[in-house]
Each structure stands twice: as structure tokens, then as C-alpha cells.
Amino acid sequence: MSLKDHNEVDGMPPSRFPSAEILSMLAISNSGFVFDPVSGASYTVNASGLAILDLLRGGCAGVEEAVGKLGEAFDAPAGVLERDVIEFAARLRALFR
């Protein structure tokens, strides 16, 4: 999927993340296990997903900021990181509305 396909994801701009308040309620282990105490659902995320969640819970507000910080931690082109952040944001929005 190209970045052009991400102009709008599920009716919202691609930079829209669930609020830090919603994400702060999640229990997240260092191994990537995520538990939502509200729904009782559990998930697993890989290292990049864990890094994105950490950034969002720390107040990161947009795709550009997330891509910049992830670029410091992961050896990947900015375009790949941007795509990953946008796709992850869409998944988070679908799970935590």
C-alpha cells in the first residue's frame, strides 16, 4: 500500500491517533504483550509497535514526530517508517474508539 492510499484512513486523517488518555489505560509489557482492562482484550505487538505505543503514551502527537524518533531507533527509510506509523495508527483507532 502506498502512502498516497493513506490520505484518509477510515474517514480520519492518517495522523490521528487514539488519545494518550486511552492509551495510558493499557497495560503493556516490555515483551510487547498489551492488555486492555476496559474490554479485557489482549494483543501482542512487535518491537516497532511497542516503540510507537511508547511514543504515543509519552505525548507524541503526529506522524512526523513519530517517524523522526523511530528513525533514531530503527535502521529503516523514513518512508517505510511513515507507512508503518500510519498503518499502526489506523489499527489502534479501530481497536480503541
C-alpha atoms as a PDB file:
ATOM      1  CA  MET A   1       0.000   0.000   0.000  1.00  0.00           C
ATOM      2  CA  SER A   2       1.469   3.325  -0.988  1.00  0.00           C
ATOM      3  CA  LEU A   3       1.448   6.460   1.119  1.00  0.00           C
ATOM      4  CA  LYS A   4      -0.956   8.003  -1.389  1.00  0.00           C
ATOM      5  CA  ASP A   5      -3.536   5.449  -0.239  1.00  0.00           C
ATOM      6  CA  HIS A   6      -3.312   6.913   3.258  1.00  0.00           C
ATOM      7  CA  ASN A   7      -4.730  10.368   2.584  1.00  0.00           C
ATOM      8  CA  GLU A   8      -7.651   9.398   4.749  1.00  0.00           C
ATOM      9  CA  VAL A   9      -7.978   6.228   6.793  1.00  0.00           C
ATOM     10  CA  ASP A  10     -11.423   5.172   8.000  1.00  0.00           C
ATOM     11  CA  GLY A  11     -12.681   8.716   7.413  1.00  0.00           C
ATOM     12  CA  MET A  12      -9.977  10.365   9.533  1.00  0.00           C
ATOM     13  CA  PRO A  13      -6.633  11.948   8.721  1.00  0.00           C
ATOM     14  CA  PRO A  14      -3.750   9.462   8.887  1.00  0.00           C
ATOM     15  CA  SER A  15      -2.028  11.374  11.683  1.00  0.00           C
ATOM     16  CA  ARG A  16      -4.932  10.852  14.072  1.00  0.00           C
ATOM     17  CA  PHE A  17      -4.034   8.593  16.973  1.00  0.00           C
ATOM     18  CA  PRO A  18      -6.169   7.460  19.888  1.00  0.00           C
ATOM     19  CA  SER A  19      -5.746   9.854  22.790  1.00  0.00           C
ATOM     20  CA  ALA A  20      -2.873   9.442  25.220  1.00  0.00           C
ATOM     21  CA  GLU A  21      -5.529   9.072  27.925  1.00  0.00           C
ATOM     22  CA  ILE A  22      -6.994   5.980  26.241  1.00  0.00           C
ATOM     23  CA  LEU A  23      -3.552   4.523  25.589  1.00  0.00           C
ATOM     24  CA  SER A  24      -2.417   5.204  29.161  1.00  0.00           C
ATOM     25  CA  MET A  25      -5.016   2.729  30.437  1.00  0.00           C
ATOM     26  CA  LEU A  26      -3.354  -0.134  28.576  1.00  0.00           C
ATOM     27  CA  ALA A  27      -1.053  -2.489  30.445  1.00  0.00           C
ATOM     28  CA  ILE A  28       1.989  -3.001  28.221  1.00  0.00           C
ATOM     29  CA  SER A  29       4.869  -5.348  28.975  1.00  0.00           C
ATOM     30  CA  ASN A  30       8.415  -4.927  27.687  1.00  0.00           C
ATOM     31  CA  SER A  31       7.907  -8.061  25.590  1.00  0.00           C
ATOM     32  CA  GLY A  32       5.016  -6.482  23.653  1.00  0.00           C
ATOM     33  CA  PHE A  33       2.036  -8.003  25.439  1.00  0.00           C
ATOM     34  CA  VAL A  34      -0.775  -5.432  25.589  1.00  0.00           C
ATOM     35  CA  PHE A  35      -3.816  -5.791  27.831  1.00  0.00           C
ATOM     36  CA  ASP A  36      -6.870  -3.541  27.612  1.00  0.00           C
ATOM     37  CA  PRO A  37      -8.567  -3.599  31.038  1.00  0.00           C
ATOM     38  CA  VAL A  38     -11.675  -1.896  29.645  1.00  0.00           C
ATOM     39  CA  SER A  39     -12.523  -4.606  27.102  1.00  0.00           C
ATOM     40  CA  GLY A  40     -10.499  -7.469  28.582  1.00  0.00           C
ATOM     41  CA  ALA A  41      -8.818  -7.995  25.214  1.00  0.00           C
ATOM     42  CA  SER A  42      -5.130  -8.721  24.862  1.00  0.00           C
ATOM     43  CA  TYR A  43      -2.800  -8.156  21.939  1.00  0.00           C
ATOM     44  CA  THR A  44       0.844  -8.552  21.034  1.00  0.00           C
ATOM     45  CA  VAL A  45       2.968  -6.023  19.203  1.00  0.00           C
ATOM     46  CA  ASN A  46       6.427  -6.287  17.698  1.00  0.00           C
ATOM     47  CA  ALA A  47       9.349  -4.020  18.591  1.00  0.00           C
ATOM     48  CA  SER A  48       8.273  -1.208  16.285  1.00  0.00           C
ATOM     49  CA  GLY A  49       4.670  -1.374  17.545  1.00  0.00           C
ATOM     50  CA  LEU A  50       5.946  -1.243  21.106  1.00  0.00           C
ATOM     51  CA  ALA A  51       8.111   1.771  20.242  1.00  0.00           C
ATOM     52  CA  ILE A  52       5.147   3.553  18.637  1.00  0.00           C
ATOM     53  CA  LEU A  53       2.949   2.874  21.668  1.00  0.00           C
ATOM     54  CA  ASP A  54       5.682   4.203  23.970  1.00  0.00           C
ATOM     55  CA  LEU A  55       5.952   7.367  21.871  1.00  0.00           C
ATOM     56  CA  LEU A  56       2.192   7.903  21.840  1.00  0.00           C
ATOM     57  CA  ARG A  57       1.855   7.318  25.558  1.00  0.00           C
ATOM     58  CA  GLY A  58       4.662   9.811  26.053  1.00  0.00           C
ATOM     59  CA  GLY A  59       2.750  12.533  24.240  1.00  0.00           C
ATOM     60  CA  CYS A  60       3.980  12.204  20.659  1.00  0.00           C
ATOM     61  CA  ALA A  61       1.279  13.934  18.650  1.00  0.00           C
ATOM     62  CA  GLY A  62       1.942  13.314  14.992  1.00  0.00           C
ATOM     63  CA  VAL A  63       3.337  11.111  12.293  1.00  0.00           C
ATOM     64  CA  GLU A  64       6.323  13.363  11.569  1.00  0.00           C
ATOM     65  CA  GLU A  65       7.466  13.376  15.182  1.00  0.00           C
ATOM     66  CA  ALA A  66       6.986   9.610  15.491  1.00  0.00           C
ATOM     67  CA  VAL A  67       8.915   8.938  12.272  1.00  0.00           C
ATOM     68  CA  GLY A  68      11.782  11.145  13.437  1.00  0.00           C
ATOM     69  CA  LYS A  69      12.073   9.403  16.779  1.00  0.00           C
ATOM     70  CA  LEU A  70      11.688   5.928  15.285  1.00  0.00           C
ATOM     71  CA  GLY A  71      14.399   6.782  12.768  1.00  0.00           C
ATOM     72  CA  GLU A  72      16.790   7.174  15.688  1.00  0.00           C
ATOM     73  CA  ALA A  73      15.953   3.686  16.986  1.00  0.00           C
ATOM     74  CA  PHE A  74      15.426   1.656  13.804  1.00  0.00           C
ATOM     75  CA  ASP A  75      17.525   1.346  10.680  1.00  0.00           C
ATOM     76  CA  ALA A  76      14.752   1.901   8.135  1.00  0.00           C
ATOM     77  CA  PRO A  77      13.976   4.514   5.483  1.00  0.00           C
ATOM     78  CA  ALA A  78      11.679   7.349   6.572  1.00  0.00           C
ATOM     79  CA  GLY A  79       9.059   6.309   4.000  1.00  0.00           C
ATOM     80  CA  VAL A  80       8.838   2.815   5.469  1.00  0.00           C
ATOM     81  CA  LEU A  81       8.592   4.187   8.996  1.00  0.00           C
ATOM     82  CA  GLU A  82       5.893   6.633   7.932  1.00  0.00           C
ATOM     83  CA  ARG A  83       3.853   3.861   6.318  1.00  0.00           C
ATOM     84  CA  ASP A  84       4.215   1.692   9.418  1.00  0.00           C
ATOM     85  CA  VAL A  85       3.148   4.508  11.756  1.00  0.00           C
ATOM     86  CA  ILE A  86       0.109   5.352   9.607  1.00  0.00           C
ATOM     87  CA  GLU A  87      -0.977   1.712   9.384  1.00  0.00           C
ATOM     88  CA  PHE A  88      -0.465   1.192  13.121  1.00  0.00           C
ATOM     89  CA  ALA A  89      -2.479   4.353  13.887  1.00  0.00           C
ATOM     90  CA  ALA A  90      -5.357   3.003  11.785  1.00  0.00           C
ATOM     91  CA  ARG A  91      -5.277  -0.301  13.684  1.00  0.00           C
ATOM     92  CA  LEU A  92      -5.222   1.490  17.018  1.00  0.00           C
ATOM     93  CA  ARG A  93      -8.181   3.650  16.024  1.00  0.00           C
ATOM     94  CA  ALA A  94     -10.122   0.544  15.014  1.00  0.00           C
ATOM     95  CA  LEU A  95      -9.417  -1.118  18.370  1.00  0.00           C
ATOM     96  CA  PHE A  96      -9.734   1.854  20.719  1.00  0.00           C
ATOM     97  CA  ARG A  97     -12.582   4.117  19.579  1.00  0.00           C
END
